[in-house]
Every structure is written in structure tokens, then in C-alpha cells.
N, C-alpha and C. Protein backbone atom coordinates (compact mmCIF):
# COMPACT_ATOMS: atom_id res chain seq x y z
N VAL A 1 85.36 -46.76 87.26
CA VAL A 1 84.39 -46.02 87.53
C VAL A 1 83.97 -46.29 88.63
N ASN A 2 83.55 -45.66 89.78
CA ASN A 2 82.52 -45.54 90.81
C ASN A 2 81.06 -46.15 90.20
N ASN A 3 80.65 -45.47 89.11
CA ASN A 3 79.13 -45.63 89.17
C ASN A 3 79.10 -46.32 87.29
N ASN A 4 78.48 -46.92 87.08
CA ASN A 4 78.64 -47.32 85.34
C ASN A 4 77.54 -46.67 84.59
N ASN A 5 77.06 -45.43 85.50
CA ASN A 5 76.56 -44.25 84.25
C ASN A 5 77.32 -42.98 84.57
N HIS A 6 78.90 -43.21 85.25
CA HIS A 6 79.66 -42.14 84.83
C HIS A 6 80.52 -42.02 83.36
N GLU A 7 80.59 -40.87 83.16
CA GLU A 7 80.89 -40.67 81.77
C GLU A 7 82.36 -41.09 81.77
N VAL A 8 82.89 -41.90 80.36
CA VAL A 8 84.21 -42.03 80.20
C VAL A 8 84.70 -41.40 78.98
N GLN A 9 86.30 -41.36 79.04
CA GLN A 9 86.89 -40.89 77.90
C GLN A 9 88.00 -41.58 77.45
N TRP A 10 87.92 -41.70 76.18
CA TRP A 10 89.34 -42.50 75.63
C TRP A 10 90.35 -41.75 74.59
N SER A 11 91.57 -42.12 74.27
CA SER A 11 92.54 -41.30 73.67
C SER A 11 93.62 -42.46 73.19
N ARG A 12 94.25 -41.81 72.04
CA ARG A 12 95.57 -42.23 72.10
C ARG A 12 96.74 -41.38 72.59
N ASN A 13 97.56 -41.87 73.01
CA ASN A 13 98.69 -41.15 73.44
C ASN A 13 100.14 -41.13 72.63
N ASP A 14 100.05 -41.80 71.55
CA ASP A 14 100.86 -42.45 70.59
C ASP A 14 101.84 -41.37 70.24
N ASN A 15 101.24 -39.94 69.94
CA ASN A 15 102.36 -38.92 69.68
C ASN A 15 102.96 -38.45 71.07
N ASP A 16 102.13 -38.20 71.78
CA ASP A 16 102.44 -37.50 73.03
C ASP A 16 103.80 -37.92 73.54
N LEU A 17 103.91 -39.37 73.76
CA LEU A 17 104.83 -39.86 74.41
C LEU A 17 106.13 -39.85 73.60
N ASP A 18 105.77 -40.71 72.42
CA ASP A 18 106.63 -41.39 71.43
C ASP A 18 106.54 -40.56 70.23
N GLN A 19 107.43 -39.95 70.01
CA GLN A 19 107.72 -38.89 68.33
C GLN A 19 108.12 -40.15 67.43
N SER A 20 108.90 -41.29 67.44
CA SER A 20 109.73 -42.34 66.67
C SER A 20 108.07 -43.18 66.66
N LYS A 21 107.09 -43.13 67.25
CA LYS A 21 105.60 -44.27 66.83
C LYS A 21 106.19 -45.60 67.17
N LEU A 22 107.27 -45.96 68.45
CA LEU A 22 107.55 -47.13 68.55
C LEU A 22 106.34 -47.60 69.84
N LEU A 23 105.48 -46.84 70.20
CA LEU A 23 105.08 -47.30 71.48
C LEU A 23 103.33 -47.03 70.96
N ILE A 24 102.79 -47.87 71.23
CA ILE A 24 100.99 -47.65 70.92
C ILE A 24 100.45 -47.33 72.76
N ASP A 25 99.84 -46.28 72.63
CA ASP A 25 99.22 -46.06 74.32
C ASP A 25 98.23 -45.35 74.22
N MET A 26 97.34 -46.46 74.82
CA MET A 26 95.93 -46.01 74.56
C MET A 26 95.52 -45.98 75.88
N LYS A 27 94.47 -44.78 76.21
CA LYS A 27 93.76 -45.06 77.67
C LYS A 27 92.15 -44.36 77.86
N VAL A 28 91.84 -44.78 78.90
CA VAL A 28 90.39 -44.77 79.37
C VAL A 28 90.29 -44.09 80.63
N GLY A 29 89.24 -43.29 80.90
CA GLY A 29 89.06 -42.74 82.36
C GLY A 29 87.62 -41.95 82.34
N THR A 30 87.46 -41.49 83.60
CA THR A 30 86.27 -40.70 83.41
C THR A 30 86.56 -39.64 83.46
N THR A 31 85.42 -38.86 82.88
CA THR A 31 85.68 -37.72 82.29
C THR A 31 85.54 -36.43 83.76
N GLU A 32 84.95 -36.82 84.50
CA GLU A 32 85.33 -36.03 86.06
C GLU A 32 86.15 -36.71 86.78
N GLN A 33 87.55 -36.10 87.05
CA GLN A 33 88.73 -36.64 87.60
C GLN A 33 89.13 -35.60 89.06
N ASP A 34 87.79 -36.18 89.90
CA ASP A 34 87.76 -35.20 90.78
C ASP A 34 88.07 -36.22 92.22
N PHE A 35 89.51 -36.62 92.29
CA PHE A 35 89.58 -37.75 93.63
C PHE A 35 89.49 -37.37 94.91
N ALA A 36 89.16 -35.85 95.21
CA ALA A 36 88.74 -35.58 96.80
C ALA A 36 87.21 -35.71 97.20
N SER A 37 86.62 -35.80 96.00
CA SER A 37 85.27 -35.93 96.38
C SER A 37 84.65 -37.21 96.79
N SER A 38 85.44 -38.35 96.64
CA SER A 38 84.96 -39.56 96.39
C SER A 38 84.13 -40.13 98.00
N HIS A 39 83.12 -40.64 97.69
CA HIS A 39 82.53 -41.24 99.42
C HIS A 39 82.61 -43.17 98.90
N SER A 40 83.53 -43.36 98.26
CA SER A 40 83.67 -45.04 98.29
C SER A 40 84.74 -45.62 98.15
N ASP A 41 85.15 -46.81 98.28
CA ASP A 41 86.32 -47.01 98.50
C ASP A 41 86.80 -47.52 97.16
N ARG A 42 85.95 -47.21 96.02
CA ARG A 42 86.48 -47.78 94.62
C ARG A 42 87.32 -45.96 94.15
N ILE A 43 88.05 -46.32 93.15
CA ILE A 43 88.94 -45.17 92.59
C ILE A 43 87.83 -44.75 91.29
N ASN A 44 87.90 -43.34 91.78
CA ASN A 44 87.02 -43.11 90.39
C ASN A 44 87.36 -41.75 89.76
N TRP A 45 89.27 -42.18 89.51
CA TRP A 45 90.01 -40.74 88.98
C TRP A 45 91.06 -41.45 88.45
N GLY A 46 91.93 -41.08 87.23
CA GLY A 46 92.90 -41.38 86.93
C GLY A 46 92.51 -42.33 85.31
N TYR A 47 93.58 -42.80 84.98
CA TYR A 47 93.37 -43.64 83.77
C TYR A 47 93.81 -44.76 83.88
N SER A 48 93.36 -45.79 83.21
CA SER A 48 93.82 -46.87 82.50
C SER A 48 94.29 -47.15 81.34
N HIS A 49 95.49 -47.69 81.14
CA HIS A 49 96.59 -47.48 79.87
C HIS A 49 96.54 -48.70 79.41
N LEU A 50 96.65 -48.75 78.23
CA LEU A 50 97.30 -49.83 77.39
C LEU A 50 98.49 -49.92 77.08
N ALA A 51 99.42 -50.09 76.92
CA ALA A 51 100.62 -49.36 75.99
C ALA A 51 101.32 -50.70 75.82
N VAL A 52 101.85 -50.93 74.35
CA VAL A 52 102.53 -51.75 73.90
C VAL A 52 103.37 -51.51 72.77
N PRO A 53 104.53 -52.15 72.21
CA PRO A 53 105.55 -51.37 71.23
C PRO A 53 104.60 -51.82 70.04
N THR A 54 104.74 -50.54 69.05
CA THR A 54 104.24 -50.74 67.98
C THR A 54 104.65 -51.88 67.16
N TYR A 55 105.97 -52.62 67.09
CA TYR A 55 106.44 -53.64 66.29
C TYR A 55 106.51 -54.63 67.60
N VAL A 56 106.42 -55.85 67.22
CA VAL A 56 107.46 -56.95 68.13
C VAL A 56 108.28 -57.69 67.24
N PRO A 57 109.20 -58.34 67.50
CA PRO A 57 110.34 -59.10 66.97
C PRO A 57 109.53 -60.35 66.34
N ASP A 58 109.67 -60.77 65.26
CA ASP A 58 109.60 -62.26 64.45
C ASP A 58 110.65 -62.89 64.27
N SER A 59 110.28 -64.10 64.29
CA SER A 59 111.19 -65.07 63.56
C SER A 59 112.61 -64.16 62.69
N SER A 60 111.64 -63.77 61.65
CA SER A 60 112.44 -63.10 60.44
C SER A 60 112.45 -61.82 60.38
N SER A 61 111.49 -60.83 60.81
CA SER A 61 111.24 -59.41 60.54
C SER A 61 110.38 -58.91 62.01
N MET A 62 110.09 -57.58 61.75
CA MET A 62 109.09 -56.72 62.81
C MET A 62 107.75 -57.12 62.57
N GLN A 63 107.16 -57.64 63.42
CA GLN A 63 105.57 -57.68 63.12
C GLN A 63 104.39 -56.67 63.85
N LEU A 64 104.01 -56.05 63.11
CA LEU A 64 103.06 -54.86 63.22
C LEU A 64 102.16 -55.12 64.42
N VAL A 65 101.88 -54.53 65.17
CA VAL A 65 100.50 -54.86 66.57
C VAL A 65 99.71 -54.26 66.13
N GLU A 66 98.67 -54.78 65.74
CA GLU A 66 97.19 -53.69 65.65
C GLU A 66 96.36 -53.58 66.71
N SER A 67 95.77 -52.24 66.70
CA SER A 67 95.18 -51.66 68.06
C SER A 67 93.69 -51.06 67.68
N VAL A 68 92.74 -50.95 68.76
CA VAL A 68 91.66 -50.49 68.56
C VAL A 68 91.21 -50.11 69.26
N MET A 69 89.96 -48.92 69.72
CA MET A 69 89.60 -48.69 70.79
C MET A 69 88.00 -48.88 70.51
N ASN A 70 87.26 -49.46 70.93
CA ASN A 70 85.79 -49.14 70.18
C ASN A 70 84.94 -50.11 71.00
N SER A 71 83.58 -50.58 70.85
CA SER A 71 82.71 -51.31 72.00
C SER A 71 82.89 -52.41 72.26
N ASP A 72 82.69 -53.11 73.37
CA ASP A 72 83.08 -54.68 73.32
C ASP A 72 82.38 -55.47 72.52
N VAL A 73 81.07 -55.40 72.09
CA VAL A 73 80.66 -55.94 71.10
C VAL A 73 81.45 -55.99 69.72
N THR A 74 81.70 -55.02 69.50
CA THR A 74 82.26 -54.62 68.11
C THR A 74 83.67 -55.64 68.16
N CYS A 75 84.31 -55.44 69.25
CA CYS A 75 85.94 -56.08 69.13
C CYS A 75 85.67 -57.33 69.43
N ARG A 76 84.65 -58.16 70.54
CA ARG A 76 84.65 -59.33 70.62
C ARG A 76 83.96 -60.18 69.12
N SER A 77 82.84 -59.51 68.42
CA SER A 77 82.43 -60.09 67.06
C SER A 77 83.77 -60.11 66.10
N THR A 78 84.52 -59.00 66.36
CA THR A 78 85.91 -58.84 65.08
C THR A 78 86.58 -60.27 65.47
N PHE A 79 86.97 -60.51 66.98
CA PHE A 79 87.84 -61.67 67.05
C PHE A 79 87.07 -63.04 66.85
N ALA A 80 86.02 -63.05 67.18
CA ALA A 80 85.11 -64.28 67.08
C ALA A 80 85.05 -64.28 65.62
N ASN A 81 84.89 -63.63 64.56
CA ASN A 81 84.81 -63.86 63.22
C ASN A 81 86.11 -64.06 62.61
N GLY A 82 87.07 -63.74 63.13
CA GLY A 82 88.48 -63.82 62.36
C GLY A 82 88.84 -62.69 61.88
N ILE A 83 88.36 -61.80 62.00
CA ILE A 83 88.77 -60.07 61.32
C ILE A 83 89.63 -59.51 61.95
N SER A 84 90.60 -59.14 61.49
CA SER A 84 91.91 -58.22 61.70
C SER A 84 91.24 -57.00 62.33
N LEU A 85 91.70 -56.40 63.52
CA LEU A 85 91.55 -55.45 63.97
C LEU A 85 92.07 -54.03 63.04
N SER A 86 92.99 -54.41 62.17
CA SER A 86 93.00 -53.53 61.34
C SER A 86 92.16 -52.99 60.41
N GLU A 87 90.90 -53.82 60.47
CA GLU A 87 89.85 -53.51 59.56
C GLU A 87 88.66 -52.67 60.21
N VAL A 88 89.07 -52.28 61.72
CA VAL A 88 87.88 -51.62 62.71
C VAL A 88 89.03 -50.53 63.27
N SER A 89 88.11 -49.41 62.85
CA SER A 89 88.55 -47.96 63.09
C SER A 89 88.15 -47.69 64.80
N ASP A 90 88.68 -46.87 65.32
CA ASP A 90 88.57 -46.37 66.40
C ASP A 90 87.23 -45.90 67.23
N ASP A 91 86.25 -45.70 67.70
CA ASP A 91 85.09 -45.51 68.29
C ASP A 91 85.55 -43.79 68.52
N ASP A 92 85.13 -42.57 68.36
CA ASP A 92 85.41 -41.71 68.41
C ASP A 92 84.13 -40.88 68.93
N SER A 93 83.11 -41.67 69.50
CA SER A 93 81.79 -41.08 70.09
C SER A 93 81.97 -40.84 71.94
N ASP A 94 83.02 -40.45 72.02
CA ASP A 94 83.34 -39.93 73.38
C ASP A 94 82.83 -38.86 73.86
N PRO A 95 82.71 -38.19 74.87
CA PRO A 95 82.74 -38.99 76.04
C PRO A 95 81.34 -39.60 76.14
N ARG A 96 80.91 -40.96 76.95
CA ARG A 96 79.30 -41.35 76.99
C ARG A 96 79.47 -42.18 78.19
N ALA A 97 78.32 -42.75 78.77
CA ALA A 97 78.30 -43.43 79.95
C ALA A 97 79.28 -44.67 79.85
N ALA A 98 79.59 -45.15 80.75
CA ALA A 98 80.61 -46.49 81.04
C ALA A 98 79.70 -47.27 80.58
N ASN A 99 78.64 -48.12 80.88
CA ASN A 99 77.66 -48.79 80.30
C ASN A 99 77.04 -48.66 79.04
N ASP A 100 77.18 -47.27 78.27
CA ASP A 100 76.66 -47.65 77.28
C ASP A 100 77.85 -48.13 75.98
N ASN A 101 77.77 -48.90 75.28
CA ASN A 101 78.45 -49.63 74.60
C ASN A 101 79.88 -49.64 75.39
N TRP A 102 79.95 -50.53 76.30
CA TRP A 102 81.65 -50.66 76.75
C TRP A 102 82.67 -50.52 76.06
N ILE A 103 83.46 -49.58 76.29
CA ILE A 103 84.57 -49.08 75.31
C ILE A 103 85.84 -50.41 75.89
N VAL A 104 86.70 -51.15 74.47
CA VAL A 104 87.54 -51.94 74.92
C VAL A 104 88.89 -51.43 74.38
N LEU A 105 89.83 -51.45 74.89
CA LEU A 105 91.06 -50.95 74.34
C LEU A 105 91.76 -52.47 73.90
N ALA A 106 92.00 -52.52 72.47
CA ALA A 106 92.31 -54.17 72.01
C ALA A 106 93.22 -54.36 71.00
N ILE A 107 94.52 -55.17 71.33
CA ILE A 107 95.48 -55.24 70.63
C ILE A 107 95.51 -56.68 69.91
N GLU A 108 96.28 -56.81 68.70
CA GLU A 108 96.33 -57.83 68.23
C GLU A 108 97.73 -58.21 68.05
N LEU A 109 97.98 -59.33 68.09
CA LEU A 109 99.25 -59.52 67.38
C LEU A 109 99.67 -61.23 67.10
N ASP A 110 100.08 -61.56 66.03
CA ASP A 110 99.96 -63.19 65.85
C ASP A 110 100.94 -63.81 66.86
N LEU A 111 100.36 -64.93 67.66
CA LEU A 111 101.53 -65.70 68.27
C LEU A 111 101.78 -66.89 67.76
N SER A 112 101.25 -67.19 66.27
CA SER A 112 101.82 -68.51 65.96
C SER A 112 103.12 -68.51 65.44
N LEU A 113 103.57 -70.22 65.51
CA LEU A 113 104.87 -69.95 65.39
C LEU A 113 104.97 -70.20 64.08
N SER A 114 106.49 -69.69 63.63
CA SER A 114 106.38 -69.85 62.24
C SER A 114 107.06 -71.46 61.59
N SER A 115 107.39 -71.59 60.57
CA SER A 115 107.57 -72.62 60.25
C SER A 115 109.21 -73.11 60.55
N SER A 116 109.97 -72.11 60.07
CA SER A 116 111.42 -72.44 60.77
C SER A 116 111.69 -72.53 62.64
N SER A 117 110.17 -71.66 63.13
CA SER A 117 110.84 -72.27 64.79
C SER A 117 110.10 -73.35 65.18
N SER A 118 109.19 -74.03 64.38
CA SER A 118 108.23 -75.27 64.85
C SER A 118 109.40 -76.37 65.22
N SER A 119 108.49 -76.98 65.87
CA SER A 119 109.65 -78.38 66.10
C SER A 119 108.51 -79.67 66.29
N SER A 120 108.92 -80.86 66.55
CA SER A 120 107.76 -81.78 66.54
C SER A 120 108.83 -82.79 67.33
N ALA A 121 108.15 -83.39 67.94
CA ALA A 121 108.32 -84.74 69.13
C ALA A 121 107.78 -86.02 68.41
N THR A 122 108.61 -87.03 68.85
CA THR A 122 108.31 -88.37 68.60
C THR A 122 108.58 -89.01 70.06
N ALA A 123 107.56 -89.98 70.13
CA ALA A 123 107.78 -90.79 71.32
C ALA A 123 107.90 -92.24 70.86
N SER A 124 108.83 -92.81 71.68
CA SER A 124 108.92 -94.55 71.11
C SER A 124 108.44 -94.95 72.94
N SER A 125 108.13 -96.64 72.55
CA SER A 125 107.91 -97.17 73.58
C SER A 125 108.75 -98.15 73.53
N ASN A 126 109.50 -98.87 74.15
CA ASN A 126 110.35 -100.13 74.25
C ASN A 126 109.62 -100.99 75.26
N GLN A 127 109.62 -102.08 74.52
CA GLN A 127 108.78 -103.43 75.17
C GLN A 127 109.64 -104.33 75.71
């Protein structure tokens, strides 16, 4: 956005692009998409997308990727408190000013190593 007071809107395109639901596609952009009237060096049109596979390979199975579109405060506190994004629903109060509860497109996936893929290292010293 060129101005923090500009209205933004967000949505999911999960069904538009991928009928098999193998892709999570969330987007955010200004409600006014008039690219010809800008008097600034900032882009004030178009959309920012966050697209990820719905499932990612795990060591023995496929892991579900969680996603949410919500305010910065909600997303940060959810992460900081160890709460899964599956416990949070999408914010559907769009459009609104960009600086009014900044919208965040967030994903969650477990990057921890499974016990079968973990390894240990030992060090020895010769005297």
C-alpha cells in the first residue's frame, strides 16, 4: 500500500486455482486497484500472495500445513503462546484500513526432526 490508511482486502483462492485442494493460496491487496493514477514510486495495485502446498512430506507421512489470515497481534500471540494456527479462524472483517489491525497471512508447519531422522555426533580428542 502507498498509504497506511488505504483499504485492504484479503481472501483465499484455494478453490479457484486447485480443485483438488493441494494448494493453499491466500492473497492481500488494496481495494482500489487503479495502477494508472499513482503519483508515487510505490506500487499501489496488485496482490501479494502466499501459496504453499496443503501437505508437505514428513519422514513417514504427509503433514498438514495450517494457515490463517488474521491480525498481527493475533498471529504473534498465537505463535508466542505455542497455540496452533488450527485453533484460530480467518478474520473476515475486510475491507479495512491497512493500519487497522494489520492483516497477516500466516502458515504453520512442524520443522522438528523425527526420531528416525535425528542423528547424534560424538567428539573425541587424542592427547
